[in-house]
Amino acid sequence: MSLLHEHIVTYAQEKRLSPQTLARWQAWSEEDQAALLVVVRVLQLGDNHLRDFLDWLEEITTRDGGTTRELLTRAEISQPLQNALSRNDKLKAVKEALRRLRYPRLSRLEEEVRAGVKALDLGNRIQLSFPPMLEGEEITVEIKARNLQELIDNLSRVQHRVADGSLLRLFALFDEV
């Protein structure tokens, strides 16, 4: 039994990983297993999170080519692991980086939506929100007002963005999902 195999088995016992999850991990090349071991140790992944990571990493490498080791050493994944963040913040950052890699088109559209909202320049009293992963075709508009005049001004601001086509461009992004 190799030292790597021992470390993975020990981790699996500590985290009570299912035999299926462990077998999936061990089916990978040794360099991919070792790269993932570094990540799971830092993030202290249990069975559910590890299964998700296995799924995502396999999907990305199958679609894009390359190895899991190469993927896990990309800056957007490796840097949060080295930062002085809490375990939960590291996990969140790595999951978000993997999500962007897993769904590059969706991630691009989300960036376009954020840029489009910023370009609207609606101020801080008007909030636009979108469904997670842009699923659905609804934009929620929230208008806060301290008095009637502020409400009228904010409604006018939104109406102006409708009239100039700015809001239409945001709705059109839903057609690209």
Protein backbone atom coordinates (compact mmCIF):
# COMPACT_ATOMS: atom_id res chain seq x y z
CA MET A 1 0.00 0.00 0.00
CA SER A 2 1.44 3.36 -1.03
CA LEU A 3 1.75 6.28 1.34
CA LEU A 4 -0.79 8.23 -0.72
CA HIS A 5 -3.28 5.38 -0.48
CA GLU A 6 -2.78 5.26 3.31
CA HIS A 7 -3.38 9.00 3.65
CA ILE A 8 -6.57 8.81 1.59
CA VAL A 9 -7.88 5.80 3.51
CA THR A 10 -7.08 7.50 6.82
CA TYR A 11 -8.90 10.64 5.69
CA ALA A 12 -11.85 8.55 4.52
CA GLN A 13 -12.05 6.86 7.92
CA GLU A 14 -11.82 10.15 9.81
CA LYS A 15 -14.58 11.71 7.70
CA ARG A 16 -16.62 8.50 7.45
CA LEU A 17 -16.68 8.62 3.67
CA SER A 18 -18.90 6.11 1.95
CA PRO A 19 -17.17 3.20 0.19
CA GLN A 20 -18.58 4.46 -3.13
CA THR A 21 -17.11 7.94 -2.67
CA LEU A 22 -13.76 6.52 -1.66
CA ALA A 23 -13.75 4.14 -4.64
CA ARG A 24 -14.50 6.99 -7.06
CA TRP A 25 -11.64 9.02 -5.64
CA GLN A 26 -9.23 6.09 -5.75
CA ALA A 27 -10.15 5.34 -9.39
CA TRP A 28 -8.38 8.55 -10.42
CA SER A 29 -4.70 8.74 -11.35
CA GLU A 30 -2.32 9.05 -8.40
CA GLU A 31 -1.44 12.65 -9.26
CA ASP A 32 -5.14 13.58 -9.37
CA GLN A 33 -5.80 11.74 -6.10
CA ALA A 34 -2.92 13.57 -4.44
CA ALA A 35 -4.07 16.97 -5.72
CA LEU A 36 -7.58 16.37 -4.42
CA LEU A 37 -6.24 15.18 -1.07
CA VAL A 38 -4.60 18.58 -0.55
CA VAL A 39 -7.90 20.33 -1.24
CA VAL A 40 -10.09 18.04 0.89
CA ARG A 41 -7.72 18.35 3.83
CA VAL A 42 -7.76 22.14 3.74
CA LEU A 43 -11.53 22.30 3.25
CA GLN A 44 -12.28 19.32 5.52
CA LEU A 45 -14.76 17.92 3.01
CA GLY A 46 -17.23 15.33 4.19
CA ASP A 47 -18.94 12.78 1.99
CA ASN A 48 -21.60 15.07 0.47
CA HIS A 49 -19.23 17.90 -0.41
CA LEU A 50 -16.62 15.46 -1.68
CA ARG A 51 -19.17 13.79 -3.97
CA ASP A 52 -20.08 17.20 -5.35
CA PHE A 53 -16.42 18.00 -5.93
CA LEU A 54 -15.88 14.66 -7.67
CA ASP A 55 -18.88 15.31 -9.93
CA TRP A 56 -17.81 18.86 -10.79
CA LEU A 57 -14.17 18.02 -11.38
CA GLU A 58 -15.08 15.06 -13.60
CA GLU A 59 -17.54 17.17 -15.60
CA ILE A 60 -15.05 19.98 -16.16
CA THR A 61 -12.13 17.74 -17.12
CA THR A 62 -14.31 15.60 -19.38
CA ARG A 63 -15.57 18.67 -21.24
CA ASP A 64 -12.37 20.75 -21.26
CA GLY A 65 -9.68 18.08 -21.15
CA GLY A 66 -6.69 18.20 -18.88
CA THR A 67 -6.29 16.61 -15.49
CA THR A 68 -7.83 17.22 -12.12
CA ARG A 69 -4.39 18.15 -10.80
CA GLU A 70 -4.08 20.87 -13.46
CA LEU A 71 -7.55 22.13 -12.65
CA LEU A 72 -6.97 22.23 -8.89
CA THR A 73 -3.70 24.14 -9.30
CA ARG A 74 -5.37 26.97 -11.23
CA ALA A 75 -5.04 30.26 -9.37
CA GLU A 76 -8.78 30.78 -8.85
CA ILE A 77 -8.93 27.49 -6.94
CA SER A 78 -5.52 27.29 -5.26
CA GLN A 79 -5.32 30.88 -3.98
CA PRO A 80 -8.36 30.78 -1.68
CA LEU A 81 -6.93 27.62 -0.11
CA GLN A 82 -3.79 29.54 0.86
CA ASN A 83 -5.49 32.72 2.04
CA ALA A 84 -6.10 33.47 5.70
CA LEU A 85 -9.81 32.81 5.39
CA SER A 86 -12.10 30.69 7.52
CA ARG A 87 -12.79 27.17 6.33
CA ASN A 88 -16.30 28.20 5.24
CA ASP A 89 -15.01 31.20 3.27
CA LYS A 90 -12.40 29.02 1.56
CA LEU A 91 -15.05 26.43 0.71
CA LYS A 92 -17.37 29.10 -0.65
CA ALA A 93 -14.59 30.64 -2.80
CA VAL A 94 -13.47 27.29 -4.22
CA LYS A 95 -17.04 26.17 -4.92
CA GLU A 96 -17.73 29.47 -6.71
CA ALA A 97 -14.55 29.11 -8.79
CA LEU A 98 -15.55 25.57 -9.75
CA ARG A 99 -19.07 26.75 -10.58
CA ARG A 100 -17.65 29.41 -12.93
CA LEU A 101 -15.47 26.78 -14.62
CA ARG A 102 -18.32 24.30 -14.78
CA TYR A 103 -20.75 26.82 -16.28
CA PRO A 104 -18.62 29.31 -18.25
CA ARG A 105 -21.47 30.60 -20.40
CA LEU A 106 -23.75 31.14 -17.42
CA SER A 107 -20.93 32.85 -15.53
CA ARG A 108 -20.35 35.19 -18.48
CA LEU A 109 -24.07 36.03 -18.58
CA GLU A 110 -24.12 36.69 -14.83
CA GLU A 111 -21.20 39.09 -15.27
CA GLU A 112 -23.08 40.83 -18.08
CA VAL A 113 -26.14 41.14 -15.83
CA ARG A 114 -24.05 42.65 -13.00
CA ALA A 115 -22.42 45.09 -15.44
CA GLY A 116 -25.82 45.94 -16.93
CA VAL A 117 -27.32 46.65 -13.52
CA LYS A 118 -24.35 48.83 -12.58
CA ALA A 119 -24.65 50.73 -15.87
CA LEU A 120 -28.30 51.51 -15.10
CA ASP A 121 -27.10 53.73 -12.27
CA LEU A 122 -30.37 53.41 -10.36
CA GLY A 123 -28.93 54.50 -7.03
CA ASN A 124 -29.02 52.60 -3.76
CA ARG A 125 -32.77 52.97 -3.17
CA ILE A 126 -33.67 50.81 -6.21
CA GLN A 127 -32.55 47.19 -6.19
CA LEU A 128 -32.78 44.67 -9.02
CA SER A 129 -32.47 41.00 -8.18
CA PHE A 130 -32.33 37.94 -10.36
CA PRO A 131 -33.11 34.29 -9.75
CA PRO A 132 -30.14 32.05 -8.86
CA MET A 133 -28.27 30.84 -11.93
CA LEU A 134 -30.65 33.05 -13.96
CA GLU A 135 -33.29 30.31 -13.85
CA GLY A 136 -36.68 31.75 -14.58
CA GLU A 137 -37.43 34.89 -16.47
CA GLU A 138 -38.21 37.35 -13.73
CA ILE A 139 -36.36 40.36 -12.45
CA THR A 140 -37.45 41.64 -9.06
CA VAL A 141 -37.46 45.42 -8.70
CA GLU A 142 -37.46 46.76 -5.16
CA ILE A 143 -37.96 50.46 -4.61
CA LYS A 144 -37.40 52.03 -1.21
CA ALA A 145 -38.78 55.45 -0.45
CA ARG A 146 -38.95 57.57 2.67
CA ASN A 147 -41.65 59.80 1.26
CA LEU A 148 -43.93 60.23 -1.72
CA GLN A 149 -41.53 62.48 -3.63
CA GLU A 150 -38.71 59.97 -3.29
CA LEU A 151 -41.04 57.25 -4.58
CA ILE A 152 -42.03 59.42 -7.56
CA ASP A 153 -38.36 60.19 -8.33
CA ASN A 154 -37.38 56.52 -8.12
CA LEU A 155 -40.30 55.40 -10.29
CA SER A 156 -39.33 58.06 -12.82
CA ARG A 157 -35.75 56.75 -12.81
CA VAL A 158 -36.99 53.21 -13.54
CA GLN A 159 -39.39 54.46 -16.23
CA HIS A 160 -36.52 56.34 -17.90
CA ARG A 161 -34.45 53.09 -18.01
CA VAL A 162 -37.44 51.29 -19.55
CA ALA A 163 -37.89 54.04 -22.15
CA ASP A 164 -34.22 54.13 -23.18
CA GLY A 165 -34.09 50.32 -23.61
CA SER A 166 -31.60 49.66 -20.79
CA LEU A 167 -33.93 47.33 -18.91
CA LEU A 168 -34.92 45.54 -22.10
CA ARG A 169 -31.26 44.52 -22.58
CA LEU A 170 -31.28 42.88 -19.14
CA PHE A 171 -34.40 40.90 -19.95
CA ALA A 172 -32.84 39.86 -23.27
CA LEU A 173 -30.03 38.15 -21.37
CA PHE A 174 -32.55 35.60 -20.08
CA ASP A 175 -33.04 34.47 -23.68
CA GLU A 176 -29.36 33.48 -23.79
CA VAL A 177 -29.54 31.15 -20.78
